[in-house]
């Protein structure tokens, strides 16, 4: 029996990594086989791409200099490898795959944020994933003013450090619009609240989907 593919999306500082880790822990405690992964990353190639595209403002950082099209292609290259090497085999084995970020992030960041055509980005994502999309996507929604403030300046990735507040506002609006377009796949959770409260809503949404 095919497994279930669950993604956690949202702006910077929404708590995707924390919620993904807690979700995997609880599902395992309930007897489910869970594969926890992230984007970009999760494979040797993906982690190498991650170190390039998310490098912060320190030495060797490319800042905002990567062209938005190059960003989209790099993220999708990492995604293609993750799907082929990790996600699809886990789903075929009947596991629950929990992934922090997936193709919707490219639509939100390089599409709504940077202005690339959404239909083109969808086509690239379809190629990279061989048509694989999540069964459930939980949007951890938080205002960028709150999310960005959750990280110290020296711990921020390239998008947190090199892109202005208006960019992050467009990204958030993009996620909300994507959720509005596919209400059967998305669940929106207010991530500005305490972590335990947020996780309660995330878990409820996931258990209902499972």
Protein backbone atom coordinates (compact mmCIF):
# COMPACT_ATOMS: atom_id res chain seq x y z
CA UNK A 1 0.00 0.00 0.00
CA UNK A 2 1.36 3.41 -0.95
CA UNK A 3 2.37 5.59 1.96
CA UNK A 4 1.33 9.16 2.61
CA UNK A 5 3.28 12.28 1.69
CA UNK A 6 2.98 15.22 4.10
CA UNK A 7 4.76 18.55 3.69
CA UNK A 8 5.14 21.53 5.96
CA UNK A 9 5.35 24.91 4.26
CA UNK A 10 5.54 28.53 5.33
CA UNK A 11 7.57 31.71 5.45
CA UNK A 12 10.91 32.04 7.22
CA UNK A 13 10.73 31.44 10.96
CA UNK A 14 7.40 29.61 10.86
CA UNK A 15 8.77 26.56 12.68
CA UNK A 16 8.70 24.00 9.87
CA UNK A 17 11.74 22.04 11.06
CA UNK A 18 10.53 21.86 14.66
CA UNK A 19 7.01 20.81 13.67
CA UNK A 20 8.32 18.19 11.22
CA UNK A 21 10.56 16.66 13.89
CA UNK A 22 7.80 16.57 16.49
CA UNK A 23 5.33 15.15 13.99
CA UNK A 24 7.69 12.33 13.02
CA UNK A 25 8.30 11.52 16.67
CA UNK A 26 4.59 11.29 17.52
CA UNK A 27 3.71 9.25 14.43
CA UNK A 28 6.50 6.78 15.19
CA UNK A 29 5.23 6.47 18.74
CA UNK A 30 1.85 5.56 17.25
CA UNK A 31 3.39 2.74 15.26
CA UNK A 32 3.84 4.38 11.85
CA UNK A 33 6.96 4.00 9.72
CA UNK A 34 8.08 7.59 9.10
CA UNK A 35 10.70 9.03 6.79
CA UNK A 36 11.67 12.55 7.88
CA UNK A 37 13.43 14.74 5.34
CA UNK A 38 13.80 18.33 4.21
CA UNK A 39 14.25 20.62 1.24
CA UNK A 40 16.68 21.44 -0.08
CA UNK A 41 18.64 18.48 1.26
CA UNK A 42 17.94 14.91 2.28
CA UNK A 43 20.52 13.46 -0.13
CA UNK A 44 24.23 14.01 -0.69
CA UNK A 45 23.51 16.12 -3.77
CA UNK A 46 20.68 17.96 -2.05
CA UNK A 47 22.81 18.91 0.94
CA UNK A 48 25.51 20.25 -1.37
CA UNK A 49 22.94 22.38 -3.18
CA UNK A 50 21.55 23.49 0.19
CA UNK A 51 24.94 24.76 1.30
CA UNK A 52 25.13 26.85 -1.87
CA UNK A 53 21.63 28.34 -2.10
CA UNK A 54 21.03 28.96 1.62
CA UNK A 55 24.47 30.17 2.71
CA UNK A 56 24.03 33.18 5.00
CA UNK A 57 25.71 36.55 4.90
CA UNK A 58 29.13 35.28 6.00
CA UNK A 59 32.29 34.62 4.05
CA UNK A 60 31.69 32.94 0.71
CA UNK A 61 28.02 33.82 0.56
CA UNK A 62 26.56 34.75 -2.81
CA UNK A 63 23.95 36.95 -1.13
CA UNK A 64 21.01 37.76 -3.38
CA UNK A 65 23.21 37.47 -6.47
CA UNK A 66 21.83 34.12 -7.67
CA UNK A 67 19.33 34.78 -10.43
CA UNK A 68 15.79 33.72 -9.55
CA UNK A 69 15.74 31.29 -12.48
CA UNK A 70 18.98 29.70 -11.30
CA UNK A 71 17.48 29.46 -7.80
CA UNK A 72 14.41 27.70 -9.16
CA UNK A 73 16.48 25.24 -11.16
CA UNK A 74 18.85 24.51 -8.28
CA UNK A 75 16.00 23.85 -5.86
CA UNK A 76 14.34 21.59 -8.41
CA UNK A 77 17.58 19.70 -9.05
CA UNK A 78 17.80 18.94 -5.32
CA UNK A 79 14.09 18.05 -5.36
CA UNK A 80 14.45 15.63 -8.27
CA UNK A 81 17.18 13.73 -6.45
CA UNK A 82 15.21 13.70 -3.19
CA UNK A 83 12.11 12.29 -4.89
CA UNK A 84 14.06 9.62 -6.77
CA UNK A 85 16.35 8.58 -3.92
CA UNK A 86 14.21 9.05 -0.79
CA UNK A 87 10.58 10.07 -1.13
CA UNK A 88 9.22 7.77 -3.83
CA UNK A 89 10.92 4.60 -2.48
CA UNK A 90 9.61 5.39 1.01
CA UNK A 91 6.07 5.89 -0.28
CA UNK A 92 6.24 2.67 -2.25
CA UNK A 93 7.29 0.92 0.98
CA UNK A 94 4.16 2.26 2.68
CA UNK A 95 5.91 4.81 4.87
CA UNK A 96 4.66 8.24 5.91
CA UNK A 97 7.01 10.83 4.45
CA UNK A 98 7.26 14.11 6.37
CA UNK A 99 9.14 16.80 4.47
CA UNK A 100 9.93 20.36 5.56
CA UNK A 101 9.30 22.30 2.32
CA UNK A 102 8.65 20.95 -1.15
CA UNK A 103 7.67 22.30 -4.58
CA UNK A 104 5.21 24.85 -3.19
CA UNK A 105 8.16 26.74 -1.70
CA UNK A 106 9.57 27.36 -5.17
CA UNK A 107 6.19 28.64 -6.34
CA UNK A 108 6.00 30.98 -3.34
CA UNK A 109 9.59 32.23 -3.33
CA UNK A 110 10.67 32.32 -6.95
CA UNK A 111 7.12 32.82 -8.24
CA UNK A 112 5.21 35.16 -5.95
CA UNK A 113 8.34 36.54 -4.31
CA UNK A 114 10.71 36.99 -7.25
CA UNK A 115 8.11 37.30 -10.00
CA UNK A 116 8.81 34.28 -12.20
CA UNK A 117 5.79 32.87 -14.09
CA UNK A 118 3.93 30.38 -11.91
CA UNK A 119 2.91 28.10 -14.84
CA UNK A 120 6.57 27.73 -15.86
CA UNK A 121 7.59 26.92 -12.30
CA UNK A 122 4.82 24.33 -12.05
CA UNK A 123 6.05 22.69 -15.25
CA UNK A 124 9.61 22.52 -13.93
CA UNK A 125 8.35 21.04 -10.65
CA UNK A 126 6.29 18.45 -12.53
CA UNK A 127 9.43 17.36 -14.36
CA UNK A 128 11.56 17.32 -11.20
CA UNK A 129 9.05 15.30 -9.18
CA UNK A 130 7.73 13.12 -12.01
CA UNK A 131 4.29 14.43 -11.10
CA UNK A 132 4.51 13.76 -7.37
CA UNK A 133 2.68 16.23 -5.12
CA UNK A 134 1.87 15.95 -1.40
CA UNK A 135 -1.25 14.29 -0.06
CA UNK A 136 -1.40 16.98 2.65
CA UNK A 137 0.38 20.30 2.98
CA UNK A 138 0.27 22.16 6.27
CA UNK A 139 0.91 25.87 5.91
CA UNK A 140 2.49 27.33 9.04
CA UNK A 141 1.41 30.90 8.53
CA UNK A 142 3.24 33.73 10.26
CA UNK A 143 3.82 37.38 9.43
CA UNK A 144 7.38 37.94 8.15
CA UNK A 145 7.95 40.58 10.80
CA UNK A 146 7.47 37.86 13.42
CA UNK A 147 9.18 35.01 11.60
CA UNK A 148 12.32 36.92 10.68
CA UNK A 149 12.65 38.21 14.22
CA UNK A 150 12.89 34.64 15.53
CA UNK A 151 16.44 34.22 14.21
CA UNK A 152 19.58 36.05 15.25
CA UNK A 153 21.18 38.06 12.47
CA UNK A 154 24.26 35.85 12.34
CA UNK A 155 22.12 32.68 12.02
CA UNK A 156 20.02 33.80 9.07
CA UNK A 157 20.13 32.02 5.73
CA UNK A 158 20.52 33.85 2.42
CA UNK A 159 16.81 34.51 1.97
CA UNK A 160 16.43 35.82 5.51
CA UNK A 161 19.52 38.03 5.27
CA UNK A 162 19.58 39.31 1.69
CA UNK A 163 15.93 39.78 0.71
CA UNK A 164 13.83 42.71 1.90
CA UNK A 165 10.63 42.65 3.94
CA UNK A 166 8.44 43.25 0.88
CA UNK A 167 9.84 40.11 -0.73
CA UNK A 168 8.90 38.08 2.33
CA UNK A 169 5.44 39.63 2.41
CA UNK A 170 4.90 38.53 -1.19
CA UNK A 171 6.09 35.03 -0.29
CA UNK A 172 3.61 34.81 2.58
CA UNK A 173 0.79 36.09 0.38
CA UNK A 174 1.81 33.50 -2.20
CA UNK A 175 1.52 30.64 0.25
CA UNK A 176 -1.92 31.86 1.30
CA UNK A 177 -3.01 32.07 -2.33
CA UNK A 178 -1.73 28.57 -3.07
CA UNK A 179 -3.67 27.23 -0.08
CA UNK A 180 -6.80 29.02 -1.27
CA UNK A 181 -6.50 27.42 -4.71
CA UNK A 182 -6.27 23.84 -3.35
CA UNK A 183 -8.27 23.71 -0.10
CA UNK A 184 -8.56 19.92 -0.33
CA UNK A 185 -4.76 19.55 0.01
CA UNK A 186 -3.83 22.44 2.29
CA UNK A 187 -4.49 23.12 5.97
CA UNK A 188 -3.55 26.56 7.31
CA UNK A 189 -2.26 26.83 10.88
CA UNK A 190 -1.54 30.08 12.72
CA UNK A 191 2.16 29.70 13.57
CA UNK A 192 2.44 32.93 15.55
CA UNK A 193 1.16 31.14 18.67
CA UNK A 194 3.18 29.06 21.18
CA UNK A 195 4.80 25.96 19.68
CA UNK A 196 2.72 23.46 21.67
CA UNK A 197 -0.52 25.05 20.51
CA UNK A 198 0.67 25.13 16.90
CA UNK A 199 1.73 21.49 17.04
CA UNK A 200 -1.66 20.45 18.37
CA UNK A 201 -3.31 21.84 15.25
CA UNK A 202 -0.66 20.32 12.98
CA UNK A 203 -1.11 16.90 14.53
CA UNK A 204 -4.89 17.11 14.28
CA UNK A 205 -4.68 17.93 10.58
CA UNK A 206 -2.24 15.12 9.90
CA UNK A 207 -4.14 12.47 11.84
CA UNK A 208 -7.30 13.39 9.98
CA UNK A 209 -5.47 12.94 6.68
CA UNK A 210 -4.02 9.60 7.72
